[in-house]
């Protein structure tokens, strides 16, 4: 079930929540840069939960790359 427009607008106006999501995304990117893809995925999933699932589509390709990297696969 998708959230109503009013719920979405209110969530976007909650600046504290947005800041926490930004921190989680930043931690995910830092962990990935350091090669710790498992933690990167954990932070990305936390950000997705905090956002009510709204970032899943935008970050799906990155999550997939990190998931492959966590299992030892690399791109050539």
N, C-alpha and C. Protein backbone atom coordinates (compact mmCIF):
# COMPACT_ATOMS: atom_id res chain seq x y z
N UNK A 1 0.84 -1.17 0.00
CA UNK A 1 0.00 0.00 0.00
C UNK A 1 0.89 1.24 0.00
N UNK A 2 0.68 2.12 -0.95
CA UNK A 2 1.50 3.32 -1.03
C UNK A 2 0.95 4.40 -0.10
N UNK A 3 1.85 5.23 0.43
CA UNK A 3 1.40 6.28 1.34
C UNK A 3 0.59 7.34 0.60
N UNK A 4 -0.26 8.01 1.34
CA UNK A 4 -1.06 9.07 0.74
C UNK A 4 -0.16 10.26 0.46
N UNK A 5 -0.64 11.16 -0.36
CA UNK A 5 0.14 12.36 -0.71
C UNK A 5 0.43 13.19 0.53
N UNK A 6 -0.55 13.32 1.42
CA UNK A 6 -0.34 14.10 2.65
C UNK A 6 0.76 13.49 3.52
N UNK A 7 0.77 12.16 3.60
CA UNK A 7 1.81 11.48 4.38
C UNK A 7 3.18 11.71 3.76
N UNK A 8 3.25 11.64 2.44
CA UNK A 8 4.51 11.85 1.74
C UNK A 8 5.01 13.27 1.94
N UNK A 9 4.13 14.25 1.82
CA UNK A 9 4.51 15.65 2.00
C UNK A 9 4.99 15.88 3.42
N UNK A 10 4.28 15.33 4.40
CA UNK A 10 4.68 15.51 5.80
C UNK A 10 6.04 14.87 6.06
N UNK A 11 6.27 13.70 5.49
CA UNK A 11 7.55 13.02 5.69
C UNK A 11 8.69 13.85 5.09
N UNK A 12 8.45 14.48 3.95
CA UNK A 12 9.48 15.31 3.33
C UNK A 12 9.77 16.57 4.14
N UNK A 13 8.80 17.04 4.89
CA UNK A 13 8.99 18.24 5.71
C UNK A 13 9.66 17.93 7.04
N UNK A 14 9.78 16.66 7.38
CA UNK A 14 10.42 16.28 8.63
C UNK A 14 11.94 16.31 8.41
N UNK A 15 12.52 17.47 8.72
CA UNK A 15 13.94 17.68 8.41
C UNK A 15 14.86 16.80 9.24
N UNK A 16 14.47 16.48 10.46
CA UNK A 16 15.29 15.61 11.29
C UNK A 16 15.37 14.21 10.67
N UNK A 17 14.25 13.71 10.22
CA UNK A 17 14.22 12.39 9.57
C UNK A 17 15.06 12.42 8.29
N UNK A 18 14.93 13.48 7.52
CA UNK A 18 15.72 13.60 6.29
C UNK A 18 17.21 13.62 6.59
N UNK A 19 17.59 14.30 7.68
CA UNK A 19 19.00 14.35 8.06
C UNK A 19 19.51 12.97 8.43
N UNK A 20 18.70 12.20 9.16
CA UNK A 20 19.10 10.85 9.55
C UNK A 20 19.25 9.96 8.31
N UNK A 21 18.35 10.12 7.36
CA UNK A 21 18.44 9.35 6.11
C UNK A 21 19.72 9.73 5.36
N UNK A 22 20.01 11.03 5.30
CA UNK A 22 21.24 11.48 4.63
C UNK A 22 22.48 10.90 5.30
N UNK A 23 22.48 10.86 6.63
CA UNK A 23 23.62 10.28 7.36
C UNK A 23 23.76 8.80 7.02
N UNK A 24 22.65 8.08 7.00
CA UNK A 24 22.70 6.65 6.68
C UNK A 24 23.22 6.42 5.26
N UNK A 25 22.80 7.26 4.31
CA UNK A 25 23.28 7.12 2.94
C UNK A 25 24.77 7.46 2.84
N UNK A 26 25.19 8.47 3.58
CA UNK A 26 26.61 8.84 3.60
C UNK A 26 27.45 7.71 4.18
N UNK A 27 26.97 7.12 5.27
CA UNK A 27 27.69 5.99 5.87
C UNK A 27 27.76 4.82 4.90
N UNK A 28 26.68 4.59 4.17
CA UNK A 28 26.67 3.51 3.18
C UNK A 28 27.74 3.74 2.12
N UNK A 29 27.80 4.96 1.61
CA UNK A 29 28.80 5.27 0.58
C UNK A 29 30.22 5.17 1.13
N UNK A 30 30.44 5.64 2.35
CA UNK A 30 31.77 5.55 2.96
C UNK A 30 32.18 4.10 3.17
N UNK A 31 31.27 3.30 3.70
CA UNK A 31 31.57 1.88 3.91
C UNK A 31 31.93 1.20 2.59
N UNK A 32 31.17 1.50 1.55
CA UNK A 32 31.46 0.91 0.24
C UNK A 32 32.82 1.36 -0.27
N UNK A 33 33.14 2.63 -0.07
CA UNK A 33 34.44 3.15 -0.51
C UNK A 33 35.59 2.45 0.21
N UNK A 34 35.35 2.06 1.45
CA UNK A 34 36.36 1.35 2.24
C UNK A 34 36.34 -0.15 1.98
N UNK A 35 35.43 -0.60 1.12
CA UNK A 35 35.36 -2.01 0.78
C UNK A 35 34.51 -2.85 1.72
N UNK A 36 33.80 -2.20 2.63
CA UNK A 36 32.94 -2.93 3.58
C UNK A 36 31.51 -2.91 3.05
N UNK A 37 31.26 -3.74 2.06
CA UNK A 37 29.98 -3.72 1.35
C UNK A 37 28.82 -4.24 2.19
N UNK A 38 29.09 -5.14 3.11
CA UNK A 38 28.01 -5.65 3.96
C UNK A 38 27.42 -4.53 4.82
N UNK A 39 28.30 -3.73 5.43
CA UNK A 39 27.81 -2.60 6.22
C UNK A 39 27.18 -1.53 5.32
N UNK A 40 27.72 -1.36 4.13
CA UNK A 40 27.13 -0.40 3.20
C UNK A 40 25.68 -0.77 2.91
N UNK A 41 25.43 -2.04 2.70
CA UNK A 41 24.07 -2.51 2.43
C UNK A 41 23.19 -2.33 3.65
N UNK A 42 23.74 -2.60 4.84
CA UNK A 42 22.96 -2.40 6.07
C UNK A 42 22.53 -0.94 6.22
N UNK A 43 23.46 -0.02 5.98
CA UNK A 43 23.12 1.40 6.09
C UNK A 43 22.11 1.81 5.01
N UNK A 44 22.28 1.28 3.82
CA UNK A 44 21.34 1.58 2.74
C UNK A 44 19.95 1.06 3.08
N UNK A 45 19.86 -0.14 3.63
CA UNK A 45 18.57 -0.69 4.02
C UNK A 45 17.94 0.12 5.16
N UNK A 46 18.77 0.60 6.09
CA UNK A 46 18.26 1.44 7.18
C UNK A 46 17.69 2.74 6.62
N UNK A 47 18.40 3.34 5.68
CA UNK A 47 17.91 4.57 5.06
C UNK A 47 16.59 4.31 4.33
N UNK A 48 16.50 3.18 3.69
CA UNK A 48 15.26 2.84 2.98
C UNK A 48 14.09 2.66 3.94
N UNK A 49 14.34 1.99 5.07
CA UNK A 49 13.28 1.84 6.08
C UNK A 49 12.84 3.19 6.62
N UNK A 50 13.81 4.05 6.92
CA UNK A 50 13.50 5.37 7.47
C UNK A 50 12.72 6.23 6.47
N UNK A 51 12.97 6.01 5.19
CA UNK A 51 12.29 6.80 4.16
C UNK A 51 10.95 6.20 3.77
N UNK A 52 10.57 5.12 4.41
CA UNK A 52 9.31 4.48 4.07
C UNK A 52 9.37 3.75 2.73
N UNK A 53 10.57 3.37 2.32
CA UNK A 53 10.74 2.64 1.07
C UNK A 53 10.88 3.51 -0.16
N UNK A 54 10.97 4.82 0.02
CA UNK A 54 10.97 5.70 -1.14
C UNK A 54 12.30 5.78 -1.87
N UNK A 55 13.38 5.30 -1.28
CA UNK A 55 14.67 5.38 -1.97
C UNK A 55 15.07 4.08 -2.64
N UNK A 56 14.30 3.05 -2.45
CA UNK A 56 14.66 1.72 -2.96
C UNK A 56 14.91 1.73 -4.47
N UNK A 57 14.05 2.37 -5.22
CA UNK A 57 14.18 2.35 -6.68
C UNK A 57 15.44 3.10 -7.12
N UNK A 58 15.69 4.27 -6.51
CA UNK A 58 16.84 5.07 -6.91
C UNK A 58 18.17 4.40 -6.59
N UNK A 59 18.21 3.61 -5.53
CA UNK A 59 19.45 3.00 -5.07
C UNK A 59 19.55 1.52 -5.42
N UNK A 60 18.62 0.99 -6.19
CA UNK A 60 18.60 -0.45 -6.45
C UNK A 60 19.84 -0.93 -7.21
N UNK A 61 20.29 -0.17 -8.20
CA UNK A 61 21.48 -0.59 -8.96
C UNK A 61 22.73 -0.58 -8.08
N UNK A 62 22.86 0.46 -7.25
CA UNK A 62 24.01 0.54 -6.36
C UNK A 62 23.99 -0.59 -5.34
N UNK A 63 22.80 -0.89 -4.81
CA UNK A 63 22.67 -1.97 -3.84
C UNK A 63 23.07 -3.30 -4.47
N UNK A 64 22.64 -3.51 -5.71
CA UNK A 64 22.99 -4.75 -6.41
C UNK A 64 24.50 -4.85 -6.61
N UNK A 65 25.16 -3.75 -7.01
CA UNK A 65 26.62 -3.77 -7.19
C UNK A 65 27.32 -4.08 -5.87
N UNK A 66 26.87 -3.45 -4.79
CA UNK A 66 27.48 -3.69 -3.48
C UNK A 66 27.24 -5.13 -3.03
N UNK A 67 26.07 -5.66 -3.33
CA UNK A 67 25.77 -7.03 -2.96
C UNK A 67 26.70 -8.01 -3.69
N UNK A 68 26.91 -7.77 -4.98
CA UNK A 68 27.85 -8.61 -5.73
C UNK A 68 29.27 -8.47 -5.18
N UNK A 69 29.67 -7.24 -4.88
CA UNK A 69 31.02 -7.00 -4.35
C UNK A 69 31.20 -7.68 -2.99
N UNK A 70 30.16 -7.68 -2.17
CA UNK A 70 30.23 -8.32 -0.85
C UNK A 70 30.47 -9.82 -0.99
N UNK A 71 29.98 -10.39 -2.09
CA UNK A 71 30.17 -11.83 -2.33
C UNK A 71 31.45 -12.13 -3.10
N UNK A 72 32.24 -11.10 -3.38
CA UNK A 72 33.52 -11.31 -4.03
C UNK A 72 33.54 -11.15 -5.54
N UNK A 73 32.41 -10.76 -6.12
CA UNK A 73 32.37 -10.55 -7.57
C UNK A 73 32.89 -9.15 -7.89
N UNK A 74 33.56 -9.02 -9.01
CA UNK A 74 34.02 -7.72 -9.47
C UNK A 74 33.60 -7.53 -10.91
N UNK A 75 33.53 -6.28 -11.33
CA UNK A 75 33.21 -6.01 -12.74
C UNK A 75 34.51 -5.92 -13.52
N UNK A 76 34.47 -6.33 -14.73
CA UNK A 76 35.67 -6.33 -15.57
C UNK A 76 35.55 -5.30 -16.64
